[in-house]
Amino acid sequence: MDAAFVNPYLVAVQNVFTTMLGIQIAMGKPELKHDRLTSGEVTGVMGFAGDKKGMFSFSLTKESTLQVYKSMVGEEAQTISPEVVDCIGELTNIISGQARVQIEKLGYKLSAALPTVIVGEKVEISFITKVPVVVLPFTFQVNGTAGKFYLDFSFE
């Protein structure tokens, strides 16, 4: 996979977490994904078509989802409610939109689907590409509590 398609997502997720959520993030080591299962318990998924086709997912642990929700809307949630699911869908859309703007500056035309949010652990996602899926792990701290999320990509 070409780094030209991954870097815009790195910049977008950094911008969203820093400016919208006030959360500093750190990226771990990128890896090839050897399964098609969600990396977290709440996962925003978005497909793309156009000059390139592929999928992107934004997957968080349950605890991290609740931390992100509180940072975004200022309210605490105890469970993965419809409002929490909407929040993750909106963040998926924002991250994807910012990255798409950068990819289009490279001369590619892309159309995005509406984001879908999957709730559940180790749910299978059928990426629409034949190339490997790359997973980028991230960590963060909010009020002394550790969090983590993952970005999964596959573009061809």
Protein backbone atom coordinates (compact mmCIF):
# COMPACT_ATOMS: atom_id res chain seq x y z
CA MET A 1 0.00 0.00 0.00
CA ASP A 2 1.24 3.46 -0.92
CA ALA A 3 2.08 5.71 2.06
CA ALA A 4 0.49 8.57 0.12
CA PHE A 5 -2.88 7.09 1.14
CA VAL A 6 -1.97 6.39 4.77
CA ASN A 7 -0.32 9.72 5.66
CA PRO A 8 -3.49 11.80 5.15
CA TYR A 9 -5.26 9.60 7.72
CA LEU A 10 -2.42 10.02 10.20
CA VAL A 11 -2.65 13.79 9.86
CA ALA A 12 -6.45 13.75 10.03
CA VAL A 13 -6.67 11.59 13.15
CA GLN A 14 -3.99 13.72 14.84
CA ASN A 15 -5.90 16.91 13.98
CA VAL A 16 -9.26 15.54 15.13
CA PHE A 17 -7.96 14.22 18.44
CA THR A 18 -5.87 17.30 19.21
CA THR A 19 -8.23 20.07 18.11
CA MET A 20 -11.72 18.59 18.59
CA LEU A 21 -11.13 16.31 21.55
CA GLY A 22 -8.13 17.92 23.27
CA ILE A 23 -6.40 14.51 23.41
CA GLN A 24 -2.77 13.85 22.53
CA ILE A 25 -2.22 10.53 20.76
CA ALA A 26 0.81 8.34 20.07
CA MET A 27 1.05 5.91 17.18
CA GLY A 28 2.45 2.42 17.64
CA LYS A 29 4.11 0.24 15.03
CA PRO A 30 2.07 -0.32 11.83
CA GLU A 31 1.39 -3.97 11.02
CA LEU A 32 -0.28 -6.07 8.37
CA LYS A 33 -3.55 -7.45 9.64
CA HIS A 34 -3.82 -11.23 9.38
CA ASP A 35 -7.55 -11.47 9.98
CA ARG A 36 -10.65 -9.54 8.98
CA LEU A 37 -11.89 -8.92 12.53
CA THR A 38 -12.56 -5.56 14.16
CA SER A 39 -9.70 -4.45 16.37
CA GLY A 40 -11.91 -2.86 19.02
CA GLU A 41 -15.46 -3.10 20.33
CA VAL A 42 -16.88 -0.04 18.55
CA THR A 43 -15.82 0.42 14.93
CA GLY A 44 -16.65 3.08 12.36
CA VAL A 45 -16.26 1.80 8.79
CA MET A 46 -16.24 3.76 5.55
CA GLY A 47 -15.78 2.55 1.99
CA PHE A 48 -14.42 4.49 -0.99
CA ALA A 49 -14.73 4.31 -4.74
CA GLY A 50 -13.35 6.35 -7.62
CA ASP A 51 -9.78 6.46 -8.89
CA LYS A 52 -8.95 4.12 -5.99
CA LYS A 53 -11.19 1.79 -4.03
CA GLY A 54 -10.88 0.65 -0.49
CA MET A 55 -12.02 0.84 3.09
CA PHE A 56 -11.00 2.56 6.29
CA SER A 57 -12.05 1.68 9.82
CA PHE A 58 -11.69 3.52 13.13
CA SER A 59 -11.95 0.98 15.95
CA LEU A 60 -11.90 1.66 19.70
CA THR A 61 -12.08 -0.37 22.87
CA LYS A 62 -15.28 0.14 24.86
CA GLU A 63 -13.49 2.17 27.54
CA SER A 64 -11.78 4.33 24.93
CA THR A 65 -15.08 4.89 23.15
CA LEU A 66 -16.63 6.21 26.35
CA GLN A 67 -13.60 8.47 26.98
CA VAL A 68 -13.77 9.88 23.44
CA TYR A 69 -17.52 10.42 23.76
CA LYS A 70 -17.06 12.39 26.99
CA SER A 71 -14.30 14.50 25.40
CA MET A 72 -16.43 15.25 22.35
CA VAL A 73 -19.82 16.02 23.91
CA GLY A 74 -18.92 16.78 27.53
CA GLU A 75 -21.26 14.16 28.95
CA GLU A 76 -20.42 10.86 30.56
CA ALA A 77 -21.93 7.63 29.22
CA GLN A 78 -21.88 4.29 31.01
CA THR A 79 -22.86 2.14 28.04
CA ILE A 80 -22.57 2.13 24.26
CA SER A 81 -25.83 3.99 23.66
CA PRO A 82 -27.19 5.21 20.31
CA GLU A 83 -25.69 8.66 21.09
CA VAL A 84 -22.24 7.09 21.59
CA VAL A 85 -22.59 5.16 18.33
CA ASP A 86 -23.56 8.40 16.53
CA CYS A 87 -20.48 10.10 17.99
CA ILE A 88 -18.14 7.42 16.62
CA GLY A 89 -19.89 7.57 13.24
CA GLU A 90 -19.40 11.34 13.15
CA LEU A 91 -15.72 11.06 14.11
CA THR A 92 -15.24 8.41 11.41
CA ASN A 93 -16.81 10.78 8.89
CA ILE A 94 -14.69 13.76 10.02
CA ILE A 95 -11.40 11.81 9.96
CA SER A 96 -12.26 10.34 6.57
CA GLY A 97 -13.33 13.70 5.15
CA GLN A 98 -10.13 15.44 6.22
CA ALA A 99 -8.01 12.62 4.79
CA ARG A 100 -9.99 12.58 1.52
CA VAL A 101 -9.29 16.29 1.00
CA GLN A 102 -5.55 15.57 1.21
CA ILE A 103 -5.79 12.54 -1.08
CA GLU A 104 -7.71 14.58 -3.66
CA LYS A 105 -4.89 17.18 -3.58
CA LEU A 106 -2.71 14.36 -4.95
CA GLY A 107 -4.98 14.26 -8.01
CA TYR A 108 -7.25 11.35 -7.09
CA LYS A 109 -11.03 11.55 -7.16
CA LEU A 110 -12.78 9.60 -4.42
CA SER A 111 -16.39 9.17 -3.38
CA ALA A 112 -17.16 7.99 0.13
CA ALA A 113 -20.05 5.97 1.45
CA LEU A 114 -21.89 6.88 4.62
CA PRO A 115 -20.09 5.61 7.71
CA THR A 116 -21.37 2.47 9.36
CA VAL A 117 -20.71 1.75 13.03
CA ILE A 118 -20.32 -1.84 14.20
CA VAL A 119 -20.70 -2.63 17.91
CA GLY A 120 -19.18 -5.90 19.06
CA GLU A 121 -15.88 -7.57 19.70
CA LYS A 122 -14.06 -9.44 16.92
CA VAL A 123 -16.74 -8.84 14.30
CA GLU A 124 -15.68 -9.84 10.79
CA ILE A 125 -15.38 -7.03 8.23
CA SER A 126 -15.07 -7.96 4.57
CA PHE A 127 -12.79 -5.31 3.13
CA ILE A 128 -13.59 -4.84 -0.57
CA THR A 129 -9.97 -4.93 -1.69
CA LYS A 130 -7.61 -7.75 -2.51
CA VAL A 131 -4.56 -6.03 -1.02
CA PRO A 132 -3.54 -6.55 2.62
CA VAL A 133 -5.10 -4.56 5.44
CA VAL A 134 -2.69 -2.33 7.38
CA VAL A 135 -3.48 -1.62 11.04
CA LEU A 136 -2.12 1.43 12.85
CA PRO A 137 -2.45 1.22 16.66
CA PHE A 138 -2.76 4.41 18.74
CA THR A 139 -2.70 5.11 22.46
CA PHE A 140 -3.75 8.12 24.52
CA GLN A 141 -4.31 9.27 28.10
CA VAL A 142 -7.38 11.10 29.42
CA ASN A 143 -7.34 12.12 33.08
CA GLY A 144 -4.80 9.41 33.90
CA THR A 145 -6.78 6.68 32.13
CA ALA A 146 -5.14 4.95 29.18
CA GLY A 147 -7.03 4.49 25.94
CA LYS A 148 -6.40 2.89 22.58
CA PHE A 149 -7.81 2.79 19.10
CA TYR A 150 -6.87 1.44 15.70
CA LEU A 151 -7.03 2.65 12.11
CA ASP A 152 -7.29 -0.14 9.53
CA PHE A 153 -6.75 0.60 5.82
CA SER A 154 -6.94 -1.21 2.56
CA PHE A 155 -6.68 0.72 -0.72
CA GLU A 156 -6.05 -0.50 -4.24
